[in-house]
N, C-alpha and C. Protein backbone atom coordinates (compact mmCIF):
# COMPACT_ATOMS: atom_id res chain seq x y z
N MET A 1 44.85 191.70 195.13
CA MET A 1 44.23 192.76 196.15
C MET A 1 43.43 192.14 197.07
N ALA A 2 43.83 193.20 198.24
CA ALA A 2 42.67 192.33 200.17
C ALA A 2 41.52 192.54 199.63
N LYS A 3 40.17 191.90 199.80
CA LYS A 3 38.50 191.91 199.46
C LYS A 3 38.90 193.75 200.97
N GLY A 4 37.80 194.32 200.31
CA GLY A 4 37.25 194.91 201.47
C GLY A 4 36.06 194.52 201.86
N PHE A 5 35.51 195.26 203.06
CA PHE A 5 34.34 195.38 203.50
C PHE A 5 33.00 195.79 203.26
N ARG A 6 32.46 195.46 202.89
CA ARG A 6 30.71 195.24 201.84
C ARG A 6 30.01 195.23 202.48
N GLY A 7 28.92 195.96 202.50
CA GLY A 7 27.56 195.35 203.28
C GLY A 7 27.12 196.14 204.35
N THR A 8 25.97 196.15 205.11
CA THR A 8 25.37 196.58 205.76
C THR A 8 25.10 194.60 206.13
N PHE A 9 25.27 195.03 207.74
CA PHE A 9 24.59 193.02 208.24
C PHE A 9 23.95 194.07 209.93
N GLU A 10 23.30 193.76 210.29
CA GLU A 10 21.99 193.69 211.83
C GLU A 10 22.53 192.50 212.70
N ASN A 11 23.07 193.00 213.31
CA ASN A 11 22.85 191.31 214.93
C ASN A 11 22.42 192.32 215.99
N ARG A 12 22.08 191.09 217.02
CA ARG A 12 21.78 191.79 218.20
C ARG A 12 22.72 191.12 219.32
N LEU A 13 22.39 192.43 219.95
CA LEU A 13 23.64 192.87 221.41
C LEU A 13 22.83 192.34 222.67
N ASP A 14 23.32 190.72 223.18
CA ASP A 14 23.08 190.09 223.98
C ASP A 14 22.98 191.01 225.40
N LYS A 15 22.51 189.91 226.40
CA LYS A 15 23.06 190.91 227.50
C LYS A 15 24.18 190.29 228.34
N LYS A 16 24.66 189.82 227.02
CA LYS A 16 26.78 189.77 228.01
C LYS A 16 27.59 190.51 227.50
N GLY A 17 26.81 191.29 226.46
CA GLY A 17 27.13 192.26 225.47
C GLY A 17 27.82 191.43 224.26
N ARG A 18 27.82 191.09 223.98
CA ARG A 18 28.33 190.10 223.26
C ARG A 18 27.06 190.75 221.97
N VAL A 19 27.68 190.84 220.53
CA VAL A 19 27.59 190.49 219.28
C VAL A 19 28.77 189.52 218.21
N SER A 20 27.07 189.44 217.10
CA SER A 20 28.31 188.46 216.24
C SER A 20 28.54 189.39 215.42
N VAL A 21 30.25 189.68 214.90
CA VAL A 21 30.52 190.00 214.13
C VAL A 21 30.10 189.33 212.14
N PRO A 22 29.61 190.08 211.31
CA PRO A 22 29.08 188.71 210.27
C PRO A 22 30.25 188.43 209.90
N ALA A 23 30.23 187.08 208.97
CA ALA A 23 30.27 186.07 208.78
C ALA A 23 31.33 186.39 207.25
N GLU A 24 31.14 187.47 206.89
CA GLU A 24 31.47 188.58 205.38
C GLU A 24 32.83 188.87 206.24
N PHE A 25 32.49 189.62 207.93
CA PHE A 25 33.74 190.44 207.80
C PHE A 25 34.77 189.42 208.26
N ARG A 26 33.97 188.78 209.03
CA ARG A 26 34.76 187.37 209.64
C ARG A 26 35.67 186.71 208.98
N SER A 27 35.59 186.27 207.98
CA SER A 27 36.77 185.80 206.71
C SER A 27 37.49 186.82 206.43
N ILE A 28 36.98 188.11 206.35
CA ILE A 28 38.62 188.88 206.27
C ILE A 28 39.50 189.40 207.00
N LEU A 29 38.79 189.21 208.38
CA LEU A 29 39.61 189.98 209.58
C LEU A 29 40.41 188.26 209.65
N LYS A 30 40.27 187.09 209.32
CA LYS A 30 41.15 185.46 209.58
C LYS A 30 42.30 186.21 207.98
N SER A 31 41.58 186.12 207.34
CA SER A 31 42.63 186.66 205.95
C SER A 31 44.27 187.32 206.20
N GLN A 32 43.75 188.06 207.29
CA GLN A 32 44.44 189.16 207.89
C GLN A 32 45.59 188.73 208.92
N GLY A 33 44.94 186.82 209.59
CA GLY A 33 45.77 186.64 210.94
C GLY A 33 45.26 187.13 211.55
N PHE A 34 44.67 187.88 212.37
CA PHE A 34 43.25 187.95 212.89
C PHE A 34 42.26 187.94 213.06
N ASP A 35 42.18 186.90 214.35
CA ASP A 35 40.51 187.24 215.52
C ASP A 35 40.47 188.05 216.19
N GLY A 36 40.16 188.37 215.31
CA GLY A 36 38.84 189.34 216.55
C GLY A 36 38.89 190.63 215.59
N ILE A 37 38.46 192.10 216.11
CA ILE A 37 38.91 193.40 215.53
C ILE A 37 39.57 194.49 216.35
N VAL A 38 39.87 195.50 215.92
CA VAL A 38 40.57 196.50 216.60
C VAL A 38 39.28 197.41 216.38
N ALA A 39 39.26 198.15 217.02
CA ALA A 39 38.32 199.48 217.27
C ALA A 39 38.61 200.69 217.97
N PHE A 40 37.98 201.89 217.72
CA PHE A 40 37.61 203.15 218.16
C PHE A 40 36.97 203.76 217.38
N PRO A 41 36.23 205.20 218.44
CA PRO A 41 35.43 205.97 218.39
C PRO A 41 35.61 206.59 216.71
N SER A 42 35.12 206.91 216.20
CA SER A 42 35.33 207.29 214.33
C SER A 42 34.96 208.63 214.49
N LEU A 43 35.92 209.54 213.76
CA LEU A 43 36.69 211.21 213.94
C LEU A 43 36.06 211.39 212.38
N ARG A 44 35.21 210.18 211.60
CA ARG A 44 34.79 210.66 210.66
C ARG A 44 33.53 211.85 210.65
N HIS A 45 32.52 210.95 211.30
CA HIS A 45 31.29 211.94 211.51
C HIS A 45 31.03 212.76 212.34
N GLY A 46 32.58 213.17 213.46
CA GLY A 46 32.63 214.07 213.91
C GLY A 46 31.46 214.47 215.59
N THR A 47 30.96 215.06 215.88
CA THR A 47 30.56 214.82 216.73
C THR A 47 29.02 214.52 216.50
N LYS A 48 28.30 214.62 214.96
CA LYS A 48 26.75 214.20 214.38
C LYS A 48 26.46 212.87 214.62
N HIS A 49 27.84 211.71 214.19
CA HIS A 49 26.59 210.77 214.13
C HIS A 49 28.08 210.19 215.50
N LYS A 50 27.06 208.91 216.12
CA LYS A 50 28.60 208.62 217.13
C LYS A 50 28.87 206.33 216.05
N ALA A 51 30.03 206.42 216.02
CA ALA A 51 30.24 205.19 215.55
C ALA A 51 31.34 204.85 215.21
N LEU A 52 32.26 202.88 215.73
CA LEU A 52 33.38 203.17 215.79
C LEU A 52 33.81 202.66 214.33
N GLU A 53 34.54 202.50 214.24
CA GLU A 53 35.36 202.40 213.31
C GLU A 53 36.27 201.20 213.42
N CYS A 54 36.20 199.99 212.50
CA CYS A 54 36.70 199.04 213.46
C CYS A 54 37.32 198.01 211.65
N SER A 55 38.41 197.21 211.95
CA SER A 55 39.07 196.64 211.33
C SER A 55 40.06 195.69 211.63
N GLY A 56 41.43 195.08 210.74
CA GLY A 56 41.45 194.25 211.51
C GLY A 56 43.37 195.11 212.30
N PRO A 57 43.52 194.14 212.32
CA PRO A 57 45.91 195.40 212.93
C PRO A 57 45.98 195.98 212.28
N ASP A 58 46.02 195.29 210.91
CA ASP A 58 47.44 196.29 209.83
C ASP A 58 46.61 197.31 209.89
N ARG A 59 45.83 197.88 209.43
CA ARG A 59 45.66 199.24 209.19
C ARG A 59 45.62 200.43 210.34
N LEU A 60 46.55 200.05 211.86
CA LEU A 60 45.99 200.50 212.58
C LEU A 60 47.91 200.42 213.13
N ASP A 61 48.76 199.63 213.13
CA ASP A 61 49.44 199.40 213.15
C ASP A 61 50.62 200.75 211.91
N GLN A 62 49.31 200.47 210.22
CA GLN A 62 50.74 201.49 209.21
C GLN A 62 50.18 203.26 210.16
N MET A 63 49.07 202.87 210.52
CA MET A 63 49.01 204.41 211.12
C MET A 63 50.35 204.44 212.02
N SER A 64 50.51 203.64 213.80
CA SER A 64 51.16 203.57 214.10
C SER A 64 52.97 203.87 213.38
N ALA A 65 52.93 203.16 212.30
CA ALA A 65 54.57 203.57 211.75
C ALA A 65 54.19 204.76 210.57
N SER A 66 53.31 205.40 210.54
CA SER A 66 53.74 206.35 209.54
C SER A 66 53.64 207.90 210.84
N ILE A 67 53.78 207.78 211.63
CA ILE A 67 54.24 208.88 212.86
C ILE A 67 55.24 208.54 212.99
N ASP A 68 56.39 210.20 212.87
CA ASP A 68 57.28 209.89 213.01
C ASP A 68 57.87 210.83 214.35
N PRO A 69 59.16 209.40 215.09
CA PRO A 69 58.88 210.08 216.59
C PRO A 69 59.90 211.69 216.37
N THR A 70 60.49 211.04 215.55
CA THR A 70 61.55 213.16 215.52
C THR A 70 60.94 213.84 215.14
N LYS A 71 58.76 214.13 214.47
CA LYS A 71 58.95 215.35 214.38
C LYS A 71 57.62 215.58 215.32
N VAL A 72 57.13 216.77 215.27
CA VAL A 72 56.64 216.97 215.46
C VAL A 72 55.43 217.53 215.13
N LEU A 73 54.36 216.65 215.63
CA LEU A 73 52.99 217.24 213.98
C LEU A 73 52.55 217.85 214.32
N PRO A 74 51.74 219.05 214.40
CA PRO A 74 50.57 219.87 214.13
C PRO A 74 49.49 219.58 215.63
N ASP A 75 49.30 220.20 215.72
CA ASP A 75 48.69 220.57 217.39
C ASP A 75 47.77 219.40 216.93
N ASN A 76 46.49 219.88 216.06
CA ASN A 76 45.04 219.31 215.78
C ASN A 76 45.93 217.64 215.84
N ALA A 77 46.94 217.85 214.08
CA ALA A 77 47.07 215.42 213.88
C ALA A 77 47.86 215.18 215.03
N ALA A 78 48.20 215.97 216.64
CA ALA A 78 48.63 215.06 217.30
C ALA A 78 48.24 214.47 218.43
N LYS A 79 46.86 215.87 218.26
CA LYS A 79 45.65 215.19 219.58
C LYS A 79 44.87 214.10 218.58
N LEU A 80 44.75 214.34 217.05
CA LEU A 80 43.86 213.67 216.91
C LEU A 80 44.04 211.92 216.80
N THR A 81 45.47 212.07 216.40
CA THR A 81 46.36 210.77 217.32
C THR A 81 46.54 210.37 218.02
N GLN A 82 46.25 211.08 219.25
CA GLN A 82 46.50 210.52 220.17
C GLN A 82 45.48 209.34 220.52
N PHE A 83 44.52 210.98 220.79
CA PHE A 83 42.87 209.95 220.66
C PHE A 83 42.67 208.82 219.72
N VAL A 84 42.96 208.74 218.90
CA VAL A 84 42.91 207.37 217.95
C VAL A 84 43.67 206.23 218.81
N LEU A 85 45.05 206.44 218.87
CA LEU A 85 45.75 204.99 219.33
C LEU A 85 45.67 204.63 220.77
N SER A 86 44.71 206.01 221.63
CA SER A 86 44.62 205.86 223.44
C SER A 86 43.03 205.96 223.45
N GLN A 87 42.83 204.99 222.82
CA GLN A 87 41.63 204.94 222.14
C GLN A 87 40.75 203.56 221.98
N SER A 88 41.69 203.07 221.13
CA SER A 88 41.80 201.95 220.35
C SER A 88 41.85 201.14 220.96
N ARG A 89 40.92 199.62 221.17
CA ARG A 89 40.94 198.21 221.70
C ARG A 89 40.89 197.14 220.78
N ASP A 90 41.86 196.34 221.30
CA ASP A 90 42.08 195.00 220.12
C ASP A 90 40.98 194.28 221.37
N ILE A 91 39.84 193.22 220.34
CA ILE A 91 38.89 192.48 220.94
C ILE A 91 38.54 191.36 220.18
N ALA A 92 39.08 190.45 220.95
CA ALA A 92 39.05 189.29 220.52
C ALA A 92 37.26 189.07 220.12
N MET A 93 37.54 187.43 219.24
CA MET A 93 36.56 186.93 218.76
C MET A 93 36.26 185.18 219.62
N ASP A 94 35.42 184.87 220.16
CA ASP A 94 35.08 183.58 220.38
C ASP A 94 34.49 183.10 219.12
N GLY A 95 35.20 181.38 220.22
CA GLY A 95 35.18 180.08 218.35
C GLY A 95 33.51 180.76 217.67
N GLU A 96 32.74 181.34 217.85
CA GLU A 96 31.54 181.44 217.46
C GLU A 96 31.29 182.72 216.54
N GLY A 97 32.08 183.13 217.41
CA GLY A 97 32.56 185.04 215.63
C GLY A 97 31.81 185.92 216.36
N ARG A 98 32.19 186.06 217.80
CA ARG A 98 30.95 187.27 218.45
C ARG A 98 32.53 187.59 219.27
N ILE A 99 32.16 189.11 219.21
CA ILE A 99 33.12 189.91 220.58
C ILE A 99 32.17 190.69 221.20
N VAL A 100 33.19 190.88 222.31
CA VAL A 100 32.46 191.67 223.69
C VAL A 100 32.99 193.14 223.24
N LEU A 101 31.70 193.98 223.21
CA LEU A 101 32.51 195.49 223.20
C LEU A 101 32.99 196.04 224.79
N PRO A 102 33.58 196.69 224.82
CA PRO A 102 33.90 197.55 225.47
C PRO A 102 32.43 198.04 226.35
N ASP A 103 32.42 198.36 227.59
CA ASP A 103 31.32 199.55 228.36
C ASP A 103 30.69 200.45 227.72
N LEU A 104 32.35 201.11 227.97
CA LEU A 104 33.11 202.83 227.12
C LEU A 104 31.94 202.50 225.43
N PHE A 105 32.59 201.47 224.75
CA PHE A 105 31.79 202.09 222.95
C PHE A 105 30.59 201.39 223.20
N VAL A 106 29.59 200.95 224.07
CA VAL A 106 28.48 200.50 224.26
C VAL A 106 27.59 201.42 224.64
N LYS A 107 27.98 202.02 225.32
CA LYS A 107 27.69 203.58 226.03
C LYS A 107 27.75 204.62 225.55
N LEU A 108 29.40 204.69 224.67
CA LEU A 108 29.49 206.58 223.33
C LEU A 108 28.52 206.01 222.39
N LEU A 109 28.12 204.68 222.22
CA LEU A 109 26.70 204.45 220.94
C LEU A 109 25.78 204.09 221.14
N GLY A 110 25.66 204.25 222.71
CA GLY A 110 23.52 204.33 222.62
C GLY A 110 23.08 202.81 222.76
N LEU A 111 23.69 201.95 222.17
CA LEU A 111 23.77 200.58 221.94
C LEU A 111 22.58 200.12 222.70
N ASN A 112 20.96 199.72 222.47
CA ASN A 112 20.52 199.14 222.92
C ASN A 112 20.57 197.57 222.62
N GLU A 113 20.32 197.10 221.31
CA GLU A 113 19.62 195.54 221.26
C GLU A 113 20.27 195.07 219.83
N ARG A 114 20.23 196.76 218.82
CA ARG A 114 20.40 196.42 217.50
C ARG A 114 21.82 196.67 216.67
N VAL A 115 22.67 195.74 216.09
CA VAL A 115 23.60 197.04 216.35
C VAL A 115 24.30 196.39 214.26
N ALA A 116 25.00 197.75 213.87
CA ALA A 116 24.25 197.83 212.56
C ALA A 116 26.24 197.71 212.66
N PHE A 117 26.67 196.82 211.25
CA PHE A 117 28.26 196.66 210.75
C PHE A 117 27.89 197.03 209.77
N VAL A 118 29.18 198.61 209.09
CA VAL A 118 28.85 198.48 207.54
C VAL A 118 29.87 198.85 207.02
N GLY A 119 30.05 197.86 206.16
CA GLY A 119 30.99 198.08 205.12
C GLY A 119 32.17 199.35 204.27
N GLN A 120 32.84 200.04 204.87
CA GLN A 120 33.57 201.11 203.95
C GLN A 120 34.90 200.52 203.21
N GLY A 121 34.36 199.91 202.57
CA GLY A 121 35.67 199.28 201.96
C GLY A 121 37.23 198.84 202.70
N PRO A 122 38.22 199.47 203.21
CA PRO A 122 39.42 199.24 203.99
C PRO A 122 38.86 199.15 205.90
N TYR A 123 37.51 199.75 206.26
CA TYR A 123 37.57 199.39 207.30
C TYR A 123 35.58 199.53 207.14
N PHE A 124 35.52 198.82 208.45
CA PHE A 124 33.85 199.01 208.80
C PHE A 124 33.58 199.52 209.93
N GLU A 125 32.03 199.98 210.03
CA GLU A 125 31.66 200.72 211.10
C GLU A 125 30.71 199.56 211.89
N ILE A 126 30.22 199.86 213.32
CA ILE A 126 29.60 199.87 214.41
C ILE A 126 28.74 200.94 214.30
N TRP A 127 27.49 200.65 214.30
CA TRP A 127 26.54 201.62 215.09
C TRP A 127 25.61 201.42 215.75
N ASP A 128 24.71 201.75 216.52
CA ASP A 128 23.51 201.42 217.11
C ASP A 128 22.66 201.74 215.64
N ALA A 129 21.71 200.07 215.79
CA ALA A 129 20.81 200.27 214.36
C ALA A 129 20.13 201.39 213.72
N GLU A 130 19.84 201.51 215.34
CA GLU A 130 17.76 203.06 214.83
C GLU A 130 18.67 204.03 214.11
N VAL A 131 20.06 204.16 214.99
CA VAL A 131 20.87 205.47 214.77
C VAL A 131 21.01 205.22 212.89
N HIS A 132 21.64 204.89 213.14
CA HIS A 132 21.84 204.23 211.14
C HIS A 132 20.92 204.32 210.42
N ALA A 133 20.22 203.83 210.90
CA ALA A 133 18.62 203.57 209.79
C ALA A 133 18.20 204.96 208.86
N GLN A 134 18.29 205.69 209.95
CA GLN A 134 17.83 207.30 210.07
C GLN A 134 19.05 207.79 209.38
N GLN A 135 19.92 207.94 209.66
CA GLN A 135 21.30 208.64 208.69
C GLN A 135 21.18 208.02 207.13
N GLN A 136 20.66 206.90 207.51
CA GLN A 136 20.82 206.24 205.97
C GLN A 136 19.55 206.85 204.98
N GLN A 137 18.80 207.26 205.99
CA GLN A 137 17.49 208.04 205.09
C GLN A 137 17.95 209.23 204.57
N ALA A 138 18.52 209.62 205.27
CA ALA A 138 18.98 211.38 204.88
C ALA A 138 20.26 210.92 204.45
N LEU A 139 20.65 209.81 204.15
CA LEU A 139 21.75 210.29 203.01
C LEU A 139 21.13 209.81 201.62
N TRP A 140 20.51 208.74 201.83
CA TRP A 140 19.58 208.11 200.67
C TRP A 140 18.49 209.49 200.06
N THR A 141 18.15 210.31 200.73
CA THR A 141 17.89 211.36 200.07
C THR A 141 18.59 212.27 199.98
N GLU A 142 19.71 212.86 200.26
CA GLU A 142 21.28 213.62 199.78
C GLU A 142 21.12 213.25 198.75
N GLY A 143 21.54 212.12 198.69
CA GLY A 143 22.51 211.52 197.79
C GLY A 143 21.81 211.88 196.08
N LEU A 144 19.98 211.22 196.57
CA LEU A 144 19.38 210.95 195.16
C LEU A 144 19.03 212.54 194.92
N GLY A 145 19.48 213.62 195.74
CA GLY A 145 18.55 214.98 195.49
C GLY A 145 19.92 215.26 194.53
N LEU A 146 21.23 215.11 195.10
CA LEU A 146 22.74 215.26 193.96
C LEU A 146 22.35 215.02 193.01
N ALA A 147 21.93 213.19 192.59
CA ALA A 147 21.96 212.63 191.46
C ALA A 147 20.65 213.89 190.80
N ASP A 148 19.92 214.24 191.17
CA ASP A 148 18.81 214.68 190.29
C ASP A 148 19.48 216.31 189.92
N ARG A 149 20.45 217.15 190.92
CA ARG A 149 21.08 218.45 189.82
C ARG A 149 21.93 217.79 189.35
N MET A 150 23.02 217.07 188.90
CA MET A 150 23.35 216.20 188.61
C MET A 150 23.02 216.14 187.01
N ASN A 151 22.04 215.49 186.40
CA ASN A 151 21.12 215.41 185.49
C ASN A 151 20.73 216.27 184.86
N GLN A 152 20.58 216.92 186.13
CA GLN A 152 19.66 218.53 185.36
C GLN A 152 20.67 219.65 184.84
N ASP A 153 21.92 218.59 185.05
CA ASP A 153 22.96 219.90 184.83
C ASP A 153 23.33 219.29 183.37
N SER A 154 23.20 218.17 183.38
CA SER A 154 23.64 217.57 182.18
C SER A 154 22.75 217.32 181.08
N GLY A 155 21.91 217.73 181.27
CA GLY A 155 20.80 217.90 180.07
C GLY A 155 19.81 216.46 180.29
N GLY A 156 19.87 215.43 181.12
CA GLY A 156 19.06 214.53 181.93
C GLY A 156 19.39 213.60 181.83
N ALA A 157 18.77 212.64 182.82
CA ALA A 157 19.74 211.70 182.84
C ALA A 157 19.79 210.64 181.61
N PRO A 158 20.84 209.28 181.47
CA PRO A 158 21.33 208.86 180.28
C PRO A 158 20.18 207.72 179.84
């Protein structure tokens, strides 16, 4: 079973637009036979949060292979598939494990100096670190509140 992308890491975006991919993520990508990332604007967060969804090429290849050109997709599915495939970019790593994010992605995310790499199992996301920290704080609060409600419903914590 392939190891998934786990953990959150922050790195600096330099003046040339380069950022180091975390070593843990690089080793997973290299085990897939790819010395880079495939990235596209994530649809998982809608317009609420801006992030890039990233992986090796296998994931997007599987997505492409699942499209049957002889069948017409429902309109929304066709638009989302077209968006993902047309916006995805193969981004090579240099010898030091750095990538150069396209200007479009830097502007989309509003990246300044700090970039968060966030493991999500079969893929990882790239965020502006400050935006990600705010989102994580809200997630912690929501998650702990949900745990409190579940404990109350079950008669208390174990």
